[in-house]
Amino acid sequence: MEHGSVADSSASTFSVMEEDHTLANSVRFVLNQDPRVAFCGYSIPHPADNKVNIRVQTTGDQAKDVMKDALQDLMVMGQHVRGTFDKAVADFKSKMPAEQMDVDLNQQ
């Protein structure tokens, strides 16, 4: 959900339900790397609420567009990390036979 001024689309607060510091801090980090962002921060209104408010103020671009770009960038970063991790696991497994690993294959 986006909260913002109809007259000024360069500043908005986005409410994200069912999320916490993990996503909010990551989004804040990516937004603060963008030169179009003048200010970015987040708050959690109450510890019992699974809700995060992310405030974005830009240098003139629409805050909604900057937020979308940041989320896309974060998704690409996550995909890169996952790919790198999967490759490292595959490389490790190919160099060491399963019999030598300390792994219980019957347990899930």
C-alpha atoms as a PDB file:
ATOM      1  CA  MET A   1       0.000   0.000   0.000  1.00  0.00           C
ATOM      2  CA  GLU A   2       1.310   3.439  -0.891  1.00  0.00           C
ATOM      3  CA  HIS A   3       0.632   6.550   1.166  1.00  0.00           C
ATOM      4  CA  GLY A   4       1.634   9.847  -0.357  1.00  0.00           C
ATOM      5  CA  SER A   5       0.614  13.248  -1.525  1.00  0.00           C
ATOM      6  CA  VAL A   6      -1.399  13.519  -4.706  1.00  0.00           C
ATOM      7  CA  ALA A   7       0.380  16.787  -5.495  1.00  0.00           C
ATOM      8  CA  ASP A   8       3.928  15.488  -4.880  1.00  0.00           C
ATOM      9  CA  SER A   9       4.697  12.022  -6.245  1.00  0.00           C
ATOM     10  CA  SER A  10       8.372  12.308  -5.299  1.00  0.00           C
ATOM     11  CA  ALA A  11       7.659  11.346  -1.667  1.00  0.00           C
ATOM     12  CA  SER A  12       5.687   8.334  -0.483  1.00  0.00           C
ATOM     13  CA  THR A  13       5.415   5.891   2.369  1.00  0.00           C
ATOM     14  CA  PHE A  14       4.910   2.256   1.431  1.00  0.00           C
ATOM     15  CA  SER A  15       3.285  -0.102   3.932  1.00  0.00           C
ATOM     16  CA  VAL A  16       4.336  -3.715   3.493  1.00  0.00           C
ATOM     17  CA  MET A  17       2.323  -6.320   5.385  1.00  0.00           C
ATOM     18  CA  GLU A  18       3.703  -9.581   6.807  1.00  0.00           C
ATOM     19  CA  GLU A  19       7.333  -8.377   6.697  1.00  0.00           C
ATOM     20  CA  ASP A  20       9.947  -7.326   9.224  1.00  0.00           C
ATOM     21  CA  HIS A  21      13.452  -5.863   9.522  1.00  0.00           C
ATOM     22  CA  THR A  22      14.933  -8.435   7.144  1.00  0.00           C
ATOM     23  CA  LEU A  23      13.206  -7.122   4.041  1.00  0.00           C
ATOM     24  CA  ALA A  24      12.911  -3.511   5.211  1.00  0.00           C
ATOM     25  CA  ASN A  25      16.610  -3.057   5.917  1.00  0.00           C
ATOM     26  CA  SER A  26      17.549  -4.687   2.600  1.00  0.00           C
ATOM     27  CA  VAL A  27      15.189  -2.403   0.667  1.00  0.00           C
ATOM     28  CA  ARG A  28      16.464   0.619   2.585  1.00  0.00           C
ATOM     29  CA  PHE A  29      20.057  -0.300   1.720  1.00  0.00           C
ATOM     30  CA  VAL A  30      19.302  -0.657  -2.006  1.00  0.00           C
ATOM     31  CA  LEU A  31      17.258   2.564  -2.082  1.00  0.00           C
ATOM     32  CA  ASN A  32      20.055   4.518  -0.405  1.00  0.00           C
ATOM     33  CA  GLN A  33      22.457   3.389  -3.160  1.00  0.00           C
ATOM     34  CA  ASP A  34      20.244   5.078  -5.784  1.00  0.00           C
ATOM     35  CA  PRO A  35      21.325   8.653  -6.601  1.00  0.00           C
ATOM     36  CA  ARG A  36      17.671   9.564  -7.222  1.00  0.00           C
ATOM     37  CA  VAL A  37      16.893   9.022  -3.517  1.00  0.00           C
ATOM     38  CA  ALA A  38      17.160  12.021  -1.217  1.00  0.00           C
ATOM     39  CA  PHE A  39      15.903  10.181   1.887  1.00  0.00           C
ATOM     40  CA  CYS A  40      14.910   6.652   2.751  1.00  0.00           C
ATOM     41  CA  GLY A  41      14.074   5.046   6.047  1.00  0.00           C
ATOM     42  CA  TYR A  42      11.759   2.506   7.553  1.00  0.00           C
ATOM     43  CA  SER A  43       9.838   1.941  10.738  1.00  0.00           C
ATOM     44  CA  ILE A  44       7.875  -0.839  12.325  1.00  0.00           C
ATOM     45  CA  PRO A  45       4.846   0.759  13.989  1.00  0.00           C
ATOM     46  CA  HIS A  46       4.570  -1.866  16.743  1.00  0.00           C
ATOM     47  CA  PRO A  47       6.593  -5.002  17.499  1.00  0.00           C
ATOM     48  CA  ALA A  48       3.421  -7.124  17.509  1.00  0.00           C
ATOM     49  CA  ASP A  49       2.496  -5.971  13.995  1.00  0.00           C
ATOM     50  CA  ASN A  50       3.979  -7.719  10.969  1.00  0.00           C
ATOM     51  CA  LYS A  51       4.005  -4.440   9.086  1.00  0.00           C
ATOM     52  CA  VAL A  52       6.786  -2.194   7.835  1.00  0.00           C
ATOM     53  CA  ASN A  53       6.525   1.407   6.659  1.00  0.00           C
ATOM     54  CA  ILE A  54       9.208   2.424   4.157  1.00  0.00           C
ATOM     55  CA  ARG A  55       9.532   6.159   3.476  1.00  0.00           C
ATOM     56  CA  VAL A  56      11.076   7.265   0.169  1.00  0.00           C
ATOM     57  CA  GLN A  57      11.789  10.849  -0.884  1.00  0.00           C
ATOM     58  CA  THR A  58      13.402  11.381  -4.259  1.00  0.00           C
ATOM     59  CA  THR A  59      15.150  14.230  -6.013  1.00  0.00           C
ATOM     60  CA  GLY A  60      12.241  14.527  -8.447  1.00  0.00           C
ATOM     61  CA  ASP A  61      11.434  11.082  -9.860  1.00  0.00           C
ATOM     62  CA  GLN A  62       8.247   9.338  -8.826  1.00  0.00           C
ATOM     63  CA  ALA A  63       8.828   7.507  -5.555  1.00  0.00           C
ATOM     64  CA  LYS A  64       6.763   4.567  -6.798  1.00  0.00           C
ATOM     65  CA  ASP A  65       9.067   4.062  -9.797  1.00  0.00           C
ATOM     66  CA  VAL A  66      12.215   4.337  -7.672  1.00  0.00           C
ATOM     67  CA  MET A  67      10.776   1.791  -5.215  1.00  0.00           C
ATOM     68  CA  LYS A  68       9.966  -0.626  -8.060  1.00  0.00           C
ATOM     69  CA  ASP A  69      13.515  -0.290  -9.408  1.00  0.00           C
ATOM     70  CA  ALA A  70      14.975  -0.949  -5.952  1.00  0.00           C
ATOM     71  CA  LEU A  71      12.859  -4.066  -5.507  1.00  0.00           C
ATOM     72  CA  GLN A  72      13.960  -5.317  -8.933  1.00  0.00           C
ATOM     73  CA  ASP A  73      17.611  -4.691  -8.011  1.00  0.00           C
ATOM     74  CA  LEU A  74      17.143  -6.540  -4.719  1.00  0.00           C
ATOM     75  CA  MET A  75      15.577  -9.478  -6.535  1.00  0.00           C
ATOM     76  CA  VAL A  76      18.546  -9.643  -8.942  1.00  0.00           C
ATOM     77  CA  MET A  77      20.950  -9.565  -5.964  1.00  0.00           C
ATOM     78  CA  GLY A  78      19.061 -12.425  -4.325  1.00  0.00           C
ATOM     79  CA  GLN A  79      19.159 -14.460  -7.534  1.00  0.00           C
ATOM     80  CA  HIS A  80      22.903 -13.866  -7.824  1.00  0.00           C
ATOM     81  CA  VAL A  81      23.514 -14.964  -4.235  1.00  0.00           C
ATOM     82  CA  ARG A  82      21.366 -18.076  -4.738  1.00  0.00           C
ATOM     83  CA  GLY A  83      23.136 -18.968  -7.982  1.00  0.00           C
ATOM     84  CA  THR A  84      26.571 -18.490  -6.435  1.00  0.00           C
ATOM     85  CA  PHE A  85      25.598 -20.603  -3.430  1.00  0.00           C
ATOM     86  CA  ASP A  86      24.113 -23.395  -5.574  1.00  0.00           C
ATOM     87  CA  LYS A  87      27.249 -23.472  -7.729  1.00  0.00           C
ATOM     88  CA  ALA A  88      29.508 -23.648  -4.667  1.00  0.00           C
ATOM     89  CA  VAL A  89      27.452 -26.529  -3.230  1.00  0.00           C
ATOM     90  CA  ALA A  90      27.556 -28.386  -6.560  1.00  0.00           C
ATOM     91  CA  ASP A  91      31.336 -27.851  -6.818  1.00  0.00           C
ATOM     92  CA  PHE A  92      31.821 -29.100  -3.269  1.00  0.00           C
ATOM     93  CA  LYS A  93      29.684 -32.181  -3.855  1.00  0.00           C
ATOM     94  CA  SER A  94      31.500 -33.008  -7.089  1.00  0.00           C
ATOM     95  CA  LYS A  95      34.877 -32.958  -5.312  1.00  0.00           C
ATOM     96  CA  MET A  96      33.816 -35.072  -2.346  1.00  0.00           C
ATOM     97  CA  PRO A  97      31.878 -38.342  -2.647  1.00  0.00           C
ATOM     98  CA  ALA A  98      28.692 -38.534  -0.584  1.00  0.00           C
ATOM     99  CA  GLU A  99      30.122 -41.470   1.410  1.00  0.00           C
ATOM    100  CA  GLN A 100      32.796 -39.171   2.860  1.00  0.00           C
ATOM    101  CA  MET A 101      30.357 -36.415   3.839  1.00  0.00           C
ATOM    102  CA  ASP A 102      28.945 -36.382   7.344  1.00  0.00           C
ATOM    103  CA  VAL A 103      25.351 -36.346   6.115  1.00  0.00           C
ATOM    104  CA  ASP A 104      22.379 -38.523   7.076  1.00  0.00           C
ATOM    105  CA  LEU A 105      20.676 -39.059   3.712  1.00  0.00           C
ATOM    106  CA  ASN A 106      17.613 -40.680   5.364  1.00  0.00           C
ATOM    107  CA  GLN A 107      16.771 -37.611   7.387  1.00  0.00           C
ATOM    108  CA  GLN A 108      14.852 -34.691   5.876  1.00  0.00           C
END
